């Protein structure tokens, strides 16, 4: 996992003052919170699953991040969801090249 984030990504606290300050100067924003994914409606279906190994939900539909986190096994054998900015960056670097090939 990355210990530092890329220079072009800045992590900020979400509050009205921060939004006002950063929104005008941003070209992209990642806004994530919570641990339960919202239901996604695709072709009338709301119960979609994400392939843990590939991030594929359906053809040309991919899941990543807090809604579809990677499950990691700890040294003690227990499992946990890999969430947070660094986990997101690591996962997107791992999966996106294959997605772009499709």
PDB file of N, CA and C in Angstrom:
ATOM      1  N   UNK A   1       0.837  -1.175   0.000  1.00  0.00           N
ATOM      2  CA  UNK A   1       0.000   0.000   0.000  1.00  0.00           C
ATOM      3  C   UNK A   1       0.885   1.242   0.000  1.00  0.00           C
ATOM      4  N   UNK A   2       0.431   2.295  -0.696  1.00  0.00           N
ATOM      5  CA  UNK A   2       1.180   3.546  -0.730  1.00  0.00           C
ATOM      6  C   UNK A   2       1.219   4.202   0.640  1.00  0.00           C
ATOM      7  N   UNK A   3       2.351   4.743   0.992  1.00  0.00           N
ATOM      8  CA  UNK A   3       2.457   5.457   2.261  1.00  0.00           C
ATOM      9  C   UNK A   3       2.214   6.954   2.078  1.00  0.00           C
ATOM     10  N   UNK A   4       2.404   7.441   0.867  1.00  0.00           N
ATOM     11  CA  UNK A   4       2.112   8.839   0.546  1.00  0.00           C
ATOM     12  C   UNK A   4       1.247   8.856  -0.699  1.00  0.00           C
ATOM     13  N   UNK A   5       0.447   9.882  -0.849  1.00  0.00           N
ATOM     14  CA  UNK A   5      -0.400   9.976  -2.035  1.00  0.00           C
ATOM     15  C   UNK A   5       0.292  10.827  -3.093  1.00  0.00           C
ATOM     16  N   UNK A   6      -0.113  10.679  -4.365  1.00  0.00           N
ATOM     17  CA  UNK A   6       0.496  11.474  -5.439  1.00  0.00           C
ATOM     18  C   UNK A   6       0.341  12.971  -5.177  1.00  0.00           C
ATOM     19  N   UNK A   7       1.261  13.747  -5.699  1.00  0.00           N
ATOM     20  CA  UNK A   7       1.274  15.193  -5.462  1.00  0.00           C
ATOM     21  C   UNK A   7       0.018  15.886  -5.977  1.00  0.00           C
ATOM     22  N   UNK A   8      -0.621  15.312  -6.986  1.00  0.00           N
ATOM     23  CA  UNK A   8      -1.805  15.960  -7.557  1.00  0.00           C
ATOM     24  C   UNK A   8      -3.099  15.580  -6.838  1.00  0.00           C
ATOM     25  N   UNK A   9      -3.021  14.843  -5.737  1.00  0.00           N
ATOM     26  CA  UNK A   9      -4.195  14.497  -4.935  1.00  0.00           C
ATOM     27  C   UNK A   9      -4.015  15.093  -3.547  1.00  0.00           C
ATOM     28  N   UNK A  10      -5.028  15.818  -3.115  1.00  0.00           N
ATOM     29  CA  UNK A  10      -4.984  16.409  -1.784  1.00  0.00           C
ATOM     30  C   UNK A  10      -6.194  15.932  -0.990  1.00  0.00           C
ATOM     31  N   UNK A  11      -5.964  15.449   0.188  1.00  0.00           N
ATOM     32  CA  UNK A  11      -7.041  14.989   1.059  1.00  0.00           C
ATOM     33  C   UNK A  11      -7.450  16.145   1.965  1.00  0.00           C
ATOM     34  N   UNK A  12      -8.749  16.462   1.957  1.00  0.00           N
ATOM     35  CA  UNK A  12      -9.232  17.586   2.755  1.00  0.00           C
ATOM     36  C   UNK A  12     -10.468  17.179   3.553  1.00  0.00           C
ATOM     37  N   UNK A  13     -10.707  17.887   4.640  1.00  0.00           N
ATOM     38  CA  UNK A  13     -11.882  17.680   5.456  1.00  0.00           C
ATOM     39  C   UNK A  13     -13.095  18.226   4.710  1.00  0.00           C
ATOM     40  N   UNK A  14     -14.189  17.477   4.739  1.00  0.00           N
ATOM     41  CA  UNK A  14     -15.403  17.898   4.049  1.00  0.00           C
ATOM     42  C   UNK A  14     -16.247  18.753   4.977  1.00  0.00           C
ATOM     43  N   UNK A  15     -16.276  20.047   4.713  1.00  0.00           N
ATOM     44  CA  UNK A  15     -17.161  20.963   5.426  1.00  0.00           C
ATOM     45  C   UNK A  15     -17.426  22.151   4.488  1.00  0.00           C
ATOM     46  N   UNK A  16     -18.410  22.987   4.773  1.00  0.00           N
ATOM     47  CA  UNK A  16     -18.763  24.078   3.848  1.00  0.00           C
ATOM     48  C   UNK A  16     -17.597  25.009   3.507  1.00  0.00           C
ATOM     49  N   UNK A  17     -16.765  25.343   4.479  1.00  0.00           N
ATOM     50  CA  UNK A  17     -15.627  26.230   4.207  1.00  0.00           C
ATOM     51  C   UNK A  17     -14.641  25.570   3.238  1.00  0.00           C
ATOM     52  N   UNK A  18     -14.347  24.303   3.469  1.00  0.00           N
ATOM     53  CA  UNK A  18     -13.421  23.577   2.602  1.00  0.00           C
ATOM     54  C   UNK A  18     -13.988  23.458   1.186  1.00  0.00           C
ATOM     55  N   UNK A  19     -15.271  23.151   1.097  1.00  0.00           N
ATOM     56  CA  UNK A  19     -15.902  23.038  -0.217  1.00  0.00           C
ATOM     57  C   UNK A  19     -15.744  24.345  -0.988  1.00  0.00           C
ATOM     58  N   UNK A  20     -16.059  25.460  -0.350  1.00  0.00           N
ATOM     59  CA  UNK A  20     -15.947  26.767  -0.997  1.00  0.00           C
ATOM     60  C   UNK A  20     -14.522  27.041  -1.463  1.00  0.00           C
ATOM     61  N   UNK A  21     -13.571  26.698  -0.642  1.00  0.00           N
ATOM     62  CA  UNK A  21     -12.172  26.969  -0.943  1.00  0.00           C
ATOM     63  C   UNK A  21     -11.644  26.104  -2.091  1.00  0.00           C
ATOM     64  N   UNK A  22     -11.943  24.805  -2.063  1.00  0.00           N
ATOM     65  CA  UNK A  22     -11.337  23.876  -3.012  1.00  0.00           C
ATOM     66  C   UNK A  22     -12.156  23.623  -4.279  1.00  0.00           C
ATOM     67  N   UNK A  23     -13.460  23.775  -4.220  1.00  0.00           N
ATOM     68  CA  UNK A  23     -14.297  23.434  -5.364  1.00  0.00           C
ATOM     69  C   UNK A  23     -13.949  24.247  -6.601  1.00  0.00           C
ATOM     70  N   UNK A  24     -13.757  25.527  -6.442  1.00  0.00           N
ATOM     71  CA  UNK A  24     -13.472  26.398  -7.580  1.00  0.00           C
ATOM     72  C   UNK A  24     -12.141  26.080  -8.256  1.00  0.00           C
ATOM     73  N   UNK A  25     -11.193  25.557  -7.521  1.00  0.00           N
ATOM     74  CA  UNK A  25      -9.870  25.299  -8.086  1.00  0.00           C
ATOM     75  C   UNK A  25      -9.633  23.821  -8.449  1.00  0.00           C
ATOM     76  N   UNK A  26     -10.660  23.008  -8.309  1.00  0.00           N
ATOM     77  CA  UNK A  26     -10.518  21.572  -8.573  1.00  0.00           C
ATOM     78  C   UNK A  26     -11.057  21.202  -9.952  1.00  0.00           C
ATOM     79  N   UNK A  27     -10.406  20.243 -10.585  1.00  0.00           N
ATOM     80  CA  UNK A  27     -10.920  19.703 -11.848  1.00  0.00           C
ATOM     81  C   UNK A  27     -11.629  18.376 -11.617  1.00  0.00           C
ATOM     82  N   UNK A  28     -11.315  17.710 -10.516  1.00  0.00           N
ATOM     83  CA  UNK A  28     -11.952  16.442 -10.164  1.00  0.00           C
ATOM     84  C   UNK A  28     -12.043  16.353  -8.651  1.00  0.00           C
ATOM     85  N   UNK A  29     -13.107  15.701  -8.177  1.00  0.00           N
ATOM     86  CA  UNK A  29     -13.292  15.530  -6.737  1.00  0.00           C
ATOM     87  C   UNK A  29     -13.703  14.087  -6.477  1.00  0.00           C
ATOM     88  N   UNK A  30     -13.095  13.464  -5.495  1.00  0.00           N
ATOM     89  CA  UNK A  30     -13.506  12.145  -5.029  1.00  0.00           C
ATOM     90  C   UNK A  30     -14.157  12.376  -3.676  1.00  0.00           C
ATOM     91  N   UNK A  31     -15.433  12.058  -3.584  1.00  0.00           N
ATOM     92  CA  UNK A  31     -16.174  12.276  -2.344  1.00  0.00           C
ATOM     93  C   UNK A  31     -16.643  10.917  -1.857  1.00  0.00           C
ATOM     94  N   UNK A  32     -16.102  10.467  -0.758  1.00  0.00           N
ATOM     95  CA  UNK A  32     -16.439   9.130  -0.266  1.00  0.00           C
ATOM     96  C   UNK A  32     -16.724   9.175   1.224  1.00  0.00           C
ATOM     97  N   UNK A  33     -17.732   8.419   1.642  1.00  0.00           N
ATOM     98  CA  UNK A  33     -18.043   8.317   3.062  1.00  0.00           C
ATOM     99  C   UNK A  33     -18.859   7.059   3.284  1.00  0.00           C
ATOM    100  N   UNK A  34     -18.884   6.599   4.492  1.00  0.00           N
ATOM    101  CA  UNK A  34     -19.697   5.441   4.846  1.00  0.00           C
ATOM    102  C   UNK A  34     -19.079   4.130   4.423  1.00  0.00           C
ATOM    103  N   UNK A  35     -19.738   3.054   4.810  1.00  0.00           N
ATOM    104  CA  UNK A  35     -19.223   1.722   4.513  1.00  0.00           C
ATOM    105  C   UNK A  35     -20.222   0.837   3.817  1.00  0.00           C
ATOM    106  N   UNK A  36     -21.409   1.298   3.551  1.00  0.00           N
ATOM    107  CA  UNK A  36     -22.419   0.505   2.867  1.00  0.00           C
ATOM    108  C   UNK A  36     -22.689   1.111   1.502  1.00  0.00           C
ATOM    109  N   UNK A  37     -22.612   0.317   0.445  1.00  0.00           N
ATOM    110  CA  UNK A  37     -22.863   0.879  -0.893  1.00  0.00           C
ATOM    111  C   UNK A  37     -24.343   1.198  -1.096  1.00  0.00           C
ATOM    112  N   UNK A  38     -24.602   2.234  -1.871  1.00  0.00           N
ATOM    113  CA  UNK A  38     -25.964   2.519  -2.290  1.00  0.00           C
ATOM    114  C   UNK A  38     -26.375   1.463  -3.304  1.00  0.00           C
ATOM    115  N   UNK A  39     -27.661   1.238  -3.423  1.00  0.00           N
ATOM    116  CA  UNK A  39     -28.138   0.316  -4.445  1.00  0.00           C
ATOM    117  C   UNK A  39     -27.988   0.995  -5.798  1.00  0.00           C
ATOM    118  N   UNK A  40     -27.434   0.273  -6.750  1.00  0.00           N
ATOM    119  CA  UNK A  40     -27.229   0.787  -8.097  1.00  0.00           C
ATOM    120  C   UNK A  40     -28.271   0.135  -8.988  1.00  0.00           C
ATOM    121  N   UNK A  41     -29.047   0.935  -9.690  1.00  0.00           N
ATOM    122  CA  UNK A  41     -30.065   0.417 -10.585  1.00  0.00           C
ATOM    123  C   UNK A  41     -29.468   0.278 -11.982  1.00  0.00           C
ATOM    124  N   UNK A  42     -29.365  -0.964 -12.460  1.00  0.00           N
ATOM    125  CA  UNK A  42     -28.830  -1.247 -13.792  1.00  0.00           C
ATOM    126  C   UNK A  42     -29.782  -2.218 -14.478  1.00  0.00           C
ATOM    127  N   UNK A  43     -30.350  -1.777 -15.571  1.00  0.00           N
ATOM    128  CA  UNK A  43     -31.290  -2.611 -16.327  1.00  0.00           C
ATOM    129  C   UNK A  43     -32.377  -3.203 -15.429  1.00  0.00           C
ATOM    130  N   UNK A  44     -32.872  -2.393 -14.507  1.00  0.00           N
ATOM    131  CA  UNK A  44     -33.944  -2.835 -13.627  1.00  0.00           C
ATOM    132  C   UNK A  44     -33.494  -3.673 -12.446  1.00  0.00           C
ATOM    133  N   UNK A  45     -32.210  -3.973 -12.347  1.00  0.00           N
ATOM    134  CA  UNK A  45     -31.683  -4.781 -11.244  1.00  0.00           C
ATOM    135  C   UNK A  45     -31.023  -3.884 -10.208  1.00  0.00           C
ATOM    136  N   UNK A  46     -31.257  -4.186  -8.935  1.00  0.00           N
ATOM    137  CA  UNK A  46     -30.589  -3.422  -7.878  1.00  0.00           C
ATOM    138  C   UNK A  46     -29.630  -4.277  -7.056  1.00  0.00           C
ATOM    139  N   UNK A  47     -29.706  -5.586  -7.202  1.00  0.00           N
ATOM    140  CA  UNK A  47     -28.811  -6.460  -6.438  1.00  0.00           C
ATOM    141  C   UNK A  47     -27.667  -6.887  -7.357  1.00  0.00           C
ATOM    142  N   UNK A  48     -26.620  -6.088  -7.378  1.00  0.00           N
ATOM    143  CA  UNK A  48     -25.470  -6.371  -8.225  1.00  0.00           C
ATOM    144  C   UNK A  48     -24.298  -6.803  -7.353  1.00  0.00           C
ATOM    145  N   UNK A  49     -23.512  -7.700  -7.867  1.00  0.00           N
ATOM    146  CA  UNK A  49     -22.320  -8.118  -7.137  1.00  0.00           C
ATOM    147  C   UNK A  49     -21.088  -7.730  -7.934  1.00  0.00           C
ATOM    148  N   UNK A  50     -20.024  -7.542  -7.226  1.00  0.00           N
ATOM    149  CA  UNK A  50     -18.762  -7.134  -7.827  1.00  0.00           C
ATOM    150  C   UNK A  50     -17.766  -8.278  -7.684  1.00  0.00           C
ATOM    151  N   UNK A  51     -17.173  -8.703  -8.787  1.00  0.00           N
ATOM    152  CA  UNK A  51     -16.154  -9.747  -8.753  1.00  0.00           C
ATOM    153  C   UNK A  51     -14.946  -9.222  -7.981  1.00  0.00           C
ATOM    154  N   UNK A  52     -14.602  -9.853  -6.885  1.00  0.00           N
ATOM    155  CA  UNK A  52     -13.532  -9.398  -6.005  1.00  0.00           C
ATOM    156  C   UNK A  52     -12.174  -9.345  -6.710  1.00  0.00           C
ATOM    157  N   UNK A  53     -11.931 -10.264  -7.617  1.00  0.00           N
ATOM    158  CA  UNK A  53     -10.627 -10.322  -8.276  1.00  0.00           C
ATOM    159  C   UNK A  53     -10.473  -9.279  -9.376  1.00  0.00           C
ATOM    160  N   UNK A  54     -11.563  -8.948 -10.078  1.00  0.00           N
ATOM    161  CA  UNK A  54     -11.469  -8.072 -11.248  1.00  0.00           C
ATOM    162  C   UNK A  54     -12.150  -6.718 -11.085  1.00  0.00           C
ATOM    163  N   UNK A  55     -13.042  -6.582 -10.110  1.00  0.00           N
ATOM    164  CA  UNK A  55     -13.796  -5.348  -9.951  1.00  0.00           C
ATOM    165  C   UNK A  55     -14.957  -5.225 -10.928  1.00  0.00           C
ATOM    166  N   UNK A  56     -15.208  -6.262 -11.722  1.00  0.00           N
ATOM    167  CA  UNK A  56     -16.272  -6.211 -12.720  1.00  0.00           C
ATOM    168  C   UNK A  56     -17.626  -6.470 -12.061  1.00  0.00           C
ATOM    169  N   UNK A  57     -18.588  -5.583 -12.352  1.00  0.00           N
ATOM    170  CA  UNK A  57     -19.961  -5.759 -11.906  1.00  0.00           C
ATOM    171  C   UNK A  57     -20.776  -6.340 -13.055  1.00  0.00           C
ATOM    172  N   UNK A  58     -20.710  -5.695 -14.195  1.00  0.00           N
ATOM    173  CA  UNK A  58     -21.299  -6.159 -15.448  1.00  0.00           C
ATOM    174  C   UNK A  58     -20.397  -5.660 -16.558  1.00  0.00           C
ATOM    175  N   UNK A  59     -20.687  -6.042 -17.786  1.00  0.00           N
ATOM    176  CA  UNK A  59     -19.881  -5.584 -18.912  1.00  0.00           C
ATOM    177  C   UNK A  59     -19.804  -4.060 -18.907  1.00  0.00           C
ATOM    178  N   UNK A  60     -18.577  -3.541 -18.886  1.00  0.00           N
ATOM    179  CA  UNK A  60     -18.275  -2.111 -18.873  1.00  0.00           C
ATOM    180  C   UNK A  60     -18.813  -1.370 -17.648  1.00  0.00           C
ATOM    181  N   UNK A  61     -19.025  -2.091 -16.558  1.00  0.00           N
ATOM    182  CA  UNK A  61     -19.433  -1.496 -15.284  1.00  0.00           C
ATOM    183  C   UNK A  61     -18.537  -2.091 -14.203  1.00  0.00           C
ATOM    184  N   UNK A  62     -17.796  -1.226 -13.509  1.00  0.00           N
ATOM    185  CA  UNK A  62     -16.781  -1.675 -12.575  1.00  0.00           C
ATOM    186  C   UNK A  62     -17.008  -1.083 -11.201  1.00  0.00           C
ATOM    187  N   UNK A  63     -16.589  -1.803 -10.175  1.00  0.00           N
ATOM    188  CA  UNK A  63     -16.735  -1.336  -8.806  1.00  0.00           C
ATOM    189  C   UNK A  63     -15.393  -1.237  -8.123  1.00  0.00           C
ATOM    190  N   UNK A  64     -15.209  -0.150  -7.415  1.00  0.00           N
ATOM    191  CA  UNK A  64     -13.954   0.085  -6.709  1.00  0.00           C
ATOM    192  C   UNK A  64     -14.210   1.078  -5.579  1.00  0.00           C
ATOM    193  N   UNK A  65     -13.346   1.113  -4.627  1.00  0.00           N
ATOM    194  CA  UNK A  65     -13.465   2.096  -3.559  1.00  0.00           C
ATOM    195  C   UNK A  65     -14.277   1.579  -2.390  1.00  0.00           C
ATOM    196  N   UNK A  66     -14.806   2.494  -1.634  1.00  0.00           N
ATOM    197  CA  UNK A  66     -15.459   2.119  -0.390  1.00  0.00           C
ATOM    198  C   UNK A  66     -16.706   1.275  -0.617  1.00  0.00           C
ATOM    199  N   UNK A  67     -17.384   1.464  -1.723  1.00  0.00           N
ATOM    200  CA  UNK A  67     -18.578   0.663  -2.010  1.00  0.00           C
ATOM    201  C   UNK A  67     -18.211  -0.759  -2.410  1.00  0.00           C
ATOM    202  N   UNK A  68     -17.051  -0.936  -3.017  1.00  0.00           N
ATOM    203  CA  UNK A  68     -16.602  -2.250  -3.482  1.00  0.00           C
ATOM    204  C   UNK A  68     -15.129  -2.438  -3.108  1.00  0.00           C
ATOM    205  N   UNK A  69     -14.812  -2.493  -1.823  1.00  0.00           N
ATOM    206  CA  UNK A  69     -13.415  -2.566  -1.411  1.00  0.00           C
ATOM    207  C   UNK A  69     -12.799  -3.948  -1.623  1.00  0.00           C
ATOM    208  N   UNK A  70     -11.495  -3.934  -1.734  1.00  0.00           N
ATOM    209  CA  UNK A  70     -10.749  -5.188  -1.762  1.00  0.00           C
ATOM    210  C   UNK A  70     -10.758  -5.765  -0.345  1.00  0.00           C
ATOM    211  N   UNK A  71     -10.882  -7.065  -0.242  1.00  0.00           N
ATOM    212  CA  UNK A  71     -10.820  -7.735   1.056  1.00  0.00           C
ATOM    213  C   UNK A  71      -9.401  -8.274   1.214  1.00  0.00           C
ATOM    214  N   UNK A  72      -8.735  -7.838   2.263  1.00  0.00           N
ATOM    215  CA  UNK A  72      -7.351  -8.253   2.506  1.00  0.00           C
ATOM    216  C   UNK A  72      -7.273  -9.156   3.721  1.00  0.00           C
ATOM    217  N   UNK A  73      -6.374 -10.129   3.648  1.00  0.00           N
ATOM    218  CA  UNK A  73      -6.163 -11.018   4.779  1.00  0.00           C
ATOM    219  C   UNK A  73      -4.959 -10.520   5.571  1.00  0.00           C
ATOM    220  N   UNK A  74      -5.146 -10.373   6.866  1.00  0.00           N
ATOM    221  CA  UNK A  74      -4.073  -9.927   7.753  1.00  0.00           C
ATOM    222  C   UNK A  74      -3.142 -11.084   8.089  1.00  0.00           C
ATOM    223  N   UNK A  75      -2.015 -10.770   8.704  1.00  0.00           N
ATOM    224  CA  UNK A  75      -1.047 -11.794   9.092  1.00  0.00           C
ATOM    225  C   UNK A  75      -1.646 -12.822  10.042  1.00  0.00           C
ATOM    226  N   UNK A  76      -2.621 -12.399  10.844  1.00  0.00           N
ATOM    227  CA  UNK A  76      -3.238 -13.325  11.793  1.00  0.00           C
ATOM    228  C   UNK A  76      -4.356 -14.167  11.164  1.00  0.00           C
ATOM    229  N   UNK A  77      -4.589 -13.972   9.850  1.00  0.00           N
ATOM    230  CA  UNK A  77      -5.599 -14.757   9.147  1.00  0.00           C
ATOM    231  C   UNK A  77      -6.966 -14.108   9.080  1.00  0.00           C
ATOM    232  N   UNK A  78      -7.178 -13.038   9.839  1.00  0.00           N
ATOM    233  CA  UNK A  78      -8.466 -12.348   9.771  1.00  0.00           C
ATOM    234  C   UNK A  78      -8.524 -11.497   8.503  1.00  0.00           C
ATOM    235  N   UNK A  79      -9.722 -11.163   8.081  1.00  0.00           N
ATOM    236  CA  UNK A  79      -9.912 -10.378   6.862  1.00  0.00           C
ATOM    237  C   UNK A  79     -10.521  -9.027   7.195  1.00  0.00           C
ATOM    238  N   UNK A  80     -10.175  -8.035   6.405  1.00  0.00           N
ATOM    239  CA  UNK A  80     -10.748  -6.705   6.564  1.00  0.00           C
ATOM    240  C   UNK A  80     -10.855  -6.020   5.215  1.00  0.00           C
ATOM    241  N   UNK A  81     -11.741  -5.030   5.143  1.00  0.00           N
ATOM    242  CA  UNK A  81     -11.912  -4.250   3.923  1.00  0.00           C
ATOM    243  C   UNK A  81     -10.790  -3.230   3.830  1.00  0.00           C
ATOM    244  N   UNK A  82     -10.144  -3.170   2.668  1.00  0.00           N
ATOM    245  CA  UNK A  82      -9.082  -2.191   2.433  1.00  0.00           C
ATOM    246  C   UNK A  82      -9.744  -0.901   1.966  1.00  0.00           C
ATOM    247  N   UNK A  83      -9.889   0.052   2.872  1.00  0.00           N
ATOM    248  CA  UNK A  83     -10.541   1.310   2.533  1.00  0.00           C
ATOM    249  C   UNK A  83      -9.612   2.468   2.824  1.00  0.00           C
ATOM    250  N   UNK A  84      -9.880   3.591   2.212  1.00  0.00           N
ATOM    251  CA  UNK A  84      -9.064   4.788   2.394  1.00  0.00           C
ATOM    252  C   UNK A  84      -8.415   5.186   1.088  1.00  0.00           C
ATOM    253  N   UNK A  85      -7.857   6.366   1.064  1.00  0.00           N
ATOM    254  CA  UNK A  85      -7.277   6.921  -0.156  1.00  0.00           C
ATOM    255  C   UNK A  85      -6.167   6.043  -0.718  1.00  0.00           C
ATOM    256  N   UNK A  86      -5.268   5.597   0.127  1.00  0.00           N
ATOM    257  CA  UNK A  86      -4.137   4.800  -0.361  1.00  0.00           C
ATOM    258  C   UNK A  86      -4.606   3.458  -0.909  1.00  0.00           C
ATOM    259  N   UNK A  87      -5.555   2.833  -0.232  1.00  0.00           N
ATOM    260  CA  UNK A  87      -6.095   1.561  -0.724  1.00  0.00           C
ATOM    261  C   UNK A  87      -6.795   1.765  -2.058  1.00  0.00           C
ATOM    262  N   UNK A  88      -7.525   2.881  -2.205  1.00  0.00           N
ATOM    263  CA  UNK A  88      -8.201   3.196  -3.459  1.00  0.00           C
ATOM    264  C   UNK A  88      -7.193   3.349  -4.591  1.00  0.00           C
ATOM    265  N   UNK A  89      -6.130   4.107  -4.354  1.00  0.00           N
ATOM    266  CA  UNK A  89      -5.110   4.332  -5.383  1.00  0.00           C
ATOM    267  C   UNK A  89      -4.435   3.019  -5.765  1.00  0.00           C
ATOM    268  N   UNK A  90      -4.075   2.218  -4.787  1.00  0.00           N
ATOM    269  CA  UNK A  90      -3.443   0.926  -5.074  1.00  0.00           C
ATOM    270  C   UNK A  90      -4.363   0.045  -5.910  1.00  0.00           C
ATOM    271  N   UNK A  91      -5.629  -0.002  -5.542  1.00  0.00           N
ATOM    272  CA  UNK A  91      -6.593  -0.870  -6.230  1.00  0.00           C
ATOM    273  C   UNK A  91      -6.844  -0.401  -7.657  1.00  0.00           C
ATOM    274  N   UNK A  92      -6.973   0.894  -7.864  1.00  0.00           N
ATOM    275  CA  UNK A  92      -7.221   1.412  -9.212  1.00  0.00           C
ATOM    276  C   UNK A  92      -6.014   1.148 -10.105  1.00  0.00           C
ATOM    277  N   UNK A  93      -4.813   1.270  -9.554  1.00  0.00           N
ATOM    278  CA  UNK A  93      -3.605   0.953 -10.329  1.00  0.00           C
ATOM    279  C   UNK A  93      -3.571  -0.528 -10.697  1.00  0.00           C
ATOM    280  N   UNK A  94      -4.066  -1.368  -9.811  1.00  0.00           N
ATOM    281  CA  UNK A  94      -4.072  -2.809 -10.045  1.00  0.00           C
ATOM    282  C   UNK A  94      -5.113  -3.208 -11.097  1.00  0.00           C
ATOM    283  N   UNK A  95      -6.314  -2.641 -11.026  1.00  0.00           N
ATOM    284  CA  UNK A  95      -7.412  -3.100 -11.868  1.00  0.00           C
ATOM    285  C   UNK A  95      -7.619  -2.336 -13.168  1.00  0.00           C
ATOM    286  N   UNK A  96      -7.370  -1.048 -13.179  1.00  0.00           N
ATOM    287  CA  UNK A  96      -7.714  -0.234 -14.335  1.00  0.00           C
ATOM    288  C   UNK A  96      -7.028  -0.657 -15.641  1.00  0.00           C
ATOM    289  N   UNK A  97      -5.772  -1.073 -15.637  1.00  0.00           N
ATOM    290  CA  UNK A  97      -5.185  -1.478 -16.918  1.00  0.00           C
ATOM    291  C   UNK A  97      -6.005  -2.568 -17.630  1.00  0.00           C
ATOM    292  N   UNK A  98      -6.509  -3.528 -16.904  1.00  0.00           N
ATOM    293  CA  UNK A  98      -7.329  -4.573 -17.514  1.00  0.00           C
ATOM    294  C   UNK A  98      -8.664  -4.012 -18.008  1.00  0.00           C
ATOM    295  N   UNK A  99      -9.249  -3.085 -17.265  1.00  0.00           N
ATOM    296  CA  UNK A  99     -10.510  -2.475 -17.677  1.00  0.00           C
ATOM    297  C   UNK A  99     -10.353  -1.733 -18.989  1.00  0.00           C
ATOM    298  N   UNK A 100      -9.228  -1.033 -19.157  1.00  0.00           N
ATOM    299  CA  UNK A 100      -8.991  -0.253 -20.371  1.00  0.00           C
ATOM    300  C   UNK A 100      -8.740  -1.135 -21.591  1.00  0.00           C
ATOM    301  N   UNK A 101      -8.391  -2.378 -21.368  1.00  0.00           N
ATOM    302  CA  UNK A 101      -8.164  -3.329 -22.466  1.00  0.00           C
ATOM    303  C   UNK A 101      -9.469  -3.842 -23.055  1.00  0.00           C
ATOM    304  N   UNK A 102     -10.562  -3.726 -22.296  1.00  0.00           N
ATOM    305  CA  UNK A 102     -11.840  -4.319 -22.708  1.00  0.00           C
ATOM    306  C   UNK A 102     -12.613  -3.410 -23.620  1.00  0.00           C
TER     307      UNK A 102
END
